[in-house]
N, C-alpha and C. Protein backbone atom coordinates (compact mmCIF):
# COMPACT_ATOMS: atom_id res chain seq x y z
N UNK A 1 102.44 109.51 90.35
CA UNK A 1 103.24 109.86 91.51
C UNK A 1 102.30 110.12 92.69
N UNK A 2 102.65 109.51 93.81
CA UNK A 2 101.87 109.69 95.04
C UNK A 2 102.15 111.07 95.65
N UNK A 3 101.23 111.59 96.46
CA UNK A 3 101.54 112.78 97.24
C UNK A 3 102.74 112.49 98.16
N UNK A 4 103.51 113.50 98.47
CA UNK A 4 104.73 113.31 99.26
C UNK A 4 104.45 112.63 100.60
N UNK A 5 103.42 113.05 101.30
CA UNK A 5 103.13 112.44 102.61
C UNK A 5 102.83 110.95 102.47
N UNK A 6 102.17 110.56 101.39
CA UNK A 6 101.91 109.14 101.14
C UNK A 6 103.21 108.41 100.90
N UNK A 7 104.09 109.01 100.11
CA UNK A 7 105.38 108.38 99.82
C UNK A 7 106.20 108.21 101.09
N UNK A 8 106.14 109.19 101.98
CA UNK A 8 106.85 109.10 103.26
C UNK A 8 106.32 107.91 104.06
N UNK A 9 105.01 107.82 104.20
CA UNK A 9 104.43 106.71 104.95
C UNK A 9 104.76 105.37 104.30
N UNK A 10 104.64 105.28 103.00
CA UNK A 10 104.90 104.03 102.28
C UNK A 10 106.35 103.59 102.46
N UNK A 11 107.26 104.56 102.52
CA UNK A 11 108.68 104.25 102.72
C UNK A 11 108.87 103.44 104.01
N UNK A 12 108.12 103.77 105.04
CA UNK A 12 108.27 103.08 106.32
C UNK A 12 107.76 101.65 106.30
N UNK A 13 107.02 101.27 105.28
CA UNK A 13 106.59 99.87 105.16
C UNK A 13 107.67 99.03 104.48
N UNK A 14 108.73 99.68 104.03
CA UNK A 14 109.79 98.98 103.28
C UNK A 14 111.13 98.97 103.99
N UNK A 15 111.23 99.66 105.14
CA UNK A 15 112.49 99.72 105.88
C UNK A 15 112.24 99.33 107.34
N UNK A 16 113.31 98.90 108.00
CA UNK A 16 113.22 98.54 109.42
C UNK A 16 112.97 99.76 110.29
N UNK A 17 113.72 100.83 110.05
CA UNK A 17 113.54 102.09 110.75
C UNK A 17 114.22 103.18 109.94
N UNK A 18 113.85 104.42 110.21
CA UNK A 18 114.45 105.54 109.49
C UNK A 18 114.21 106.83 110.26
N UNK A 19 115.05 107.81 109.96
CA UNK A 19 114.88 109.16 110.51
C UNK A 19 114.55 110.09 109.35
N UNK A 20 114.30 111.35 109.64
CA UNK A 20 113.93 112.31 108.60
C UNK A 20 114.99 112.39 107.50
N UNK A 21 116.26 112.38 107.89
CA UNK A 21 117.33 112.47 106.90
C UNK A 21 117.35 111.26 105.98
N UNK A 22 117.04 110.08 106.52
CA UNK A 22 116.95 108.87 105.69
C UNK A 22 115.82 108.99 104.68
N UNK A 23 114.69 109.51 105.13
CA UNK A 23 113.53 109.69 104.26
C UNK A 23 113.87 110.65 103.12
N UNK A 24 114.48 111.77 103.45
CA UNK A 24 114.84 112.77 102.44
C UNK A 24 115.79 112.16 101.41
N UNK A 25 116.79 111.45 101.89
CA UNK A 25 117.76 110.82 100.98
C UNK A 25 117.09 109.80 100.06
N UNK A 26 116.18 109.00 100.62
CA UNK A 26 115.50 107.97 99.84
C UNK A 26 114.55 108.54 98.80
N UNK A 27 113.91 109.66 99.12
CA UNK A 27 112.88 110.20 98.23
C UNK A 27 113.36 111.33 97.33
N UNK A 28 114.58 111.81 97.51
CA UNK A 28 115.01 112.98 96.75
C UNK A 28 115.10 112.72 95.24
N UNK A 29 115.29 111.50 94.82
CA UNK A 29 115.32 111.20 93.39
C UNK A 29 114.00 111.52 92.71
N UNK A 30 112.90 111.14 93.32
CA UNK A 30 111.58 111.34 92.74
C UNK A 30 110.92 112.64 93.21
N UNK A 31 111.20 113.05 94.44
CA UNK A 31 110.50 114.19 95.05
C UNK A 31 111.43 115.37 95.33
N UNK A 32 112.63 115.35 94.81
CA UNK A 32 113.62 116.37 95.10
C UNK A 32 113.19 117.79 94.79
N UNK A 33 112.27 117.95 93.85
CA UNK A 33 111.81 119.30 93.49
C UNK A 33 110.68 119.80 94.40
N UNK A 34 110.19 118.96 95.30
CA UNK A 34 109.10 119.36 96.19
C UNK A 34 109.65 120.24 97.31
N UNK A 35 109.01 121.39 97.53
CA UNK A 35 109.45 122.30 98.60
C UNK A 35 109.34 121.66 99.98
N UNK A 36 108.40 120.75 100.16
CA UNK A 36 108.18 120.14 101.47
C UNK A 36 109.16 119.01 101.77
N UNK A 37 110.04 118.67 100.84
CA UNK A 37 111.04 117.64 101.11
C UNK A 37 112.25 118.30 101.77
N UNK A 38 112.04 118.71 103.01
CA UNK A 38 113.09 119.31 103.82
C UNK A 38 112.93 118.77 105.24
N UNK A 39 113.96 118.95 106.03
CA UNK A 39 113.98 118.34 107.37
C UNK A 39 112.79 118.77 108.22
N UNK A 40 112.49 120.04 108.25
CA UNK A 40 111.40 120.55 109.10
C UNK A 40 110.06 119.91 108.73
N UNK A 41 109.73 119.91 107.45
CA UNK A 41 108.44 119.38 107.02
C UNK A 41 108.36 117.86 107.14
N UNK A 42 109.47 117.18 106.88
CA UNK A 42 109.47 115.72 107.03
C UNK A 42 109.33 115.34 108.50
N UNK A 43 110.02 116.05 109.39
CA UNK A 43 109.87 115.79 110.83
C UNK A 43 108.42 116.00 111.25
N UNK A 44 107.79 117.04 110.76
CA UNK A 44 106.38 117.28 111.07
C UNK A 44 105.51 116.12 110.58
N UNK A 45 105.76 115.65 109.38
CA UNK A 45 104.99 114.51 108.83
C UNK A 45 105.19 113.26 109.69
N UNK A 46 106.42 113.02 110.12
CA UNK A 46 106.69 111.83 110.95
C UNK A 46 106.02 111.94 112.31
N UNK A 47 106.07 113.11 112.91
CA UNK A 47 105.42 113.31 114.21
C UNK A 47 103.90 113.17 114.09
N UNK A 48 103.34 113.63 112.99
CA UNK A 48 101.91 113.50 112.75
C UNK A 48 101.54 112.02 112.60
N UNK A 49 102.35 111.29 111.84
CA UNK A 49 102.09 109.86 111.65
C UNK A 49 102.19 109.12 112.98
N UNK A 50 103.14 109.53 113.82
CA UNK A 50 103.25 108.91 115.14
C UNK A 50 102.02 109.23 115.99
N UNK A 51 101.59 110.48 115.98
CA UNK A 51 100.41 110.88 116.75
C UNK A 51 99.15 110.15 116.29
N UNK A 52 99.12 109.80 115.01
CA UNK A 52 97.97 109.08 114.46
C UNK A 52 98.10 107.57 114.57
N UNK A 53 99.16 107.10 115.21
CA UNK A 53 99.31 105.67 115.48
C UNK A 53 99.87 104.85 114.33
N UNK A 54 100.41 105.49 113.30
CA UNK A 54 100.94 104.74 112.16
C UNK A 54 102.42 104.39 112.33
N UNK A 55 103.16 105.23 113.05
CA UNK A 55 104.58 105.01 113.29
C UNK A 55 104.85 105.04 114.78
N UNK A 56 105.96 104.41 115.16
CA UNK A 56 106.43 104.45 116.55
C UNK A 56 107.88 104.92 116.56
N UNK A 57 108.22 105.68 117.57
CA UNK A 57 109.60 106.09 117.77
C UNK A 57 110.39 104.87 118.25
N UNK A 58 111.56 104.64 117.64
CA UNK A 58 112.37 103.49 118.04
C UNK A 58 113.60 103.89 118.84
N UNK A 59 114.22 105.01 118.47
CA UNK A 59 115.41 105.47 119.18
C UNK A 59 115.73 106.89 118.74
N UNK A 60 116.69 107.49 119.40
CA UNK A 60 117.14 108.82 119.00
C UNK A 60 118.63 108.93 119.28
N UNK A 61 119.28 109.85 118.57
CA UNK A 61 120.71 110.10 118.75
C UNK A 61 121.04 111.50 118.27
N UNK A 62 122.19 111.99 118.66
CA UNK A 62 122.68 113.27 118.15
C UNK A 62 123.63 112.99 117.00
N UNK A 63 123.46 113.72 115.90
CA UNK A 63 124.40 113.55 114.79
C UNK A 63 125.67 114.35 115.08
N UNK A 64 126.61 114.32 114.15
CA UNK A 64 127.90 115.00 114.35
C UNK A 64 127.75 116.51 114.52
N UNK A 65 126.69 117.06 113.97
CA UNK A 65 126.44 118.49 114.08
C UNK A 65 125.64 118.88 115.32
N UNK A 66 125.31 117.89 116.16
CA UNK A 66 124.55 118.17 117.36
C UNK A 66 123.04 118.20 117.16
N UNK A 67 122.58 117.85 115.96
CA UNK A 67 121.14 117.79 115.68
C UNK A 67 120.56 116.46 116.17
N UNK A 68 119.38 116.53 116.74
CA UNK A 68 118.70 115.33 117.20
C UNK A 68 118.11 114.58 116.02
N UNK A 69 118.38 113.30 115.94
CA UNK A 69 117.77 112.43 114.93
C UNK A 69 116.87 111.43 115.66
N UNK A 70 115.61 111.48 115.32
CA UNK A 70 114.63 110.56 115.91
C UNK A 70 114.30 109.52 114.85
N UNK A 71 114.41 108.26 115.23
CA UNK A 71 114.14 107.15 114.32
C UNK A 71 112.75 106.58 114.62
N UNK A 72 112.06 106.21 113.56
CA UNK A 72 110.72 105.64 113.65
C UNK A 72 110.65 104.35 112.86
N UNK A 73 109.62 103.56 113.16
CA UNK A 73 109.31 102.40 112.33
C UNK A 73 107.79 102.25 112.28
N UNK A 74 107.35 101.56 111.25
CA UNK A 74 105.92 101.25 111.13
C UNK A 74 105.71 99.90 111.81
N UNK A 75 105.02 99.90 112.93
CA UNK A 75 104.69 98.63 113.59
C UNK A 75 103.69 97.87 112.73
N UNK A 76 103.41 96.64 113.08
CA UNK A 76 102.59 95.76 112.23
C UNK A 76 101.23 96.38 111.89
N UNK A 77 100.53 96.89 112.88
CA UNK A 77 99.21 97.48 112.62
C UNK A 77 99.33 98.75 111.78
N UNK A 78 100.34 99.57 112.06
CA UNK A 78 100.55 100.78 111.28
C UNK A 78 100.86 100.47 109.83
N UNK A 79 101.75 99.50 109.60
CA UNK A 79 102.11 99.11 108.24
C UNK A 79 100.88 98.54 107.51
N UNK A 80 100.08 97.77 108.22
CA UNK A 80 98.87 97.20 107.61
C UNK A 80 97.91 98.32 107.19
N UNK A 81 97.73 99.31 108.04
CA UNK A 81 96.85 100.43 107.72
C UNK A 81 97.40 101.23 106.54
N UNK A 82 98.70 101.53 106.57
CA UNK A 82 99.32 102.27 105.46
C UNK A 82 99.12 101.52 104.15
N UNK A 83 99.41 100.22 104.16
CA UNK A 83 99.28 99.42 102.92
C UNK A 83 97.84 99.26 102.47
N UNK A 84 96.91 99.31 103.41
CA UNK A 84 95.49 99.19 103.05
C UNK A 84 95.03 100.42 102.26
N UNK A 85 95.48 101.59 102.66
CA UNK A 85 95.00 102.82 102.06
C UNK A 85 95.91 103.41 100.99
N UNK A 86 97.19 103.04 101.01
CA UNK A 86 98.12 103.57 100.01
C UNK A 86 98.70 102.40 99.23
N UNK A 87 98.26 102.26 98.02
CA UNK A 87 98.70 101.14 97.17
C UNK A 87 100.00 101.53 96.45
N UNK A 88 100.77 100.51 96.10
CA UNK A 88 102.01 100.76 95.33
C UNK A 88 101.72 101.15 93.92
């Protein structure tokens, strides 16, 4: 099993775009017992990946509860870097 942050990054190489809630839903089967698999920590991981040039923000919207959802994707160079260092 990969570290959670690796799994989060790897997920973005397999989807067009996603937000923190999408990541949590996708990874909860394998990582559901991890304390860091929560909205706050996943958002922090996504923002860190963006700051490091691995992900780009694609859009944002408000959900039905008024929470901001920010969507990201791994651009070509980011996906290449992720796949270079994190193997399946």
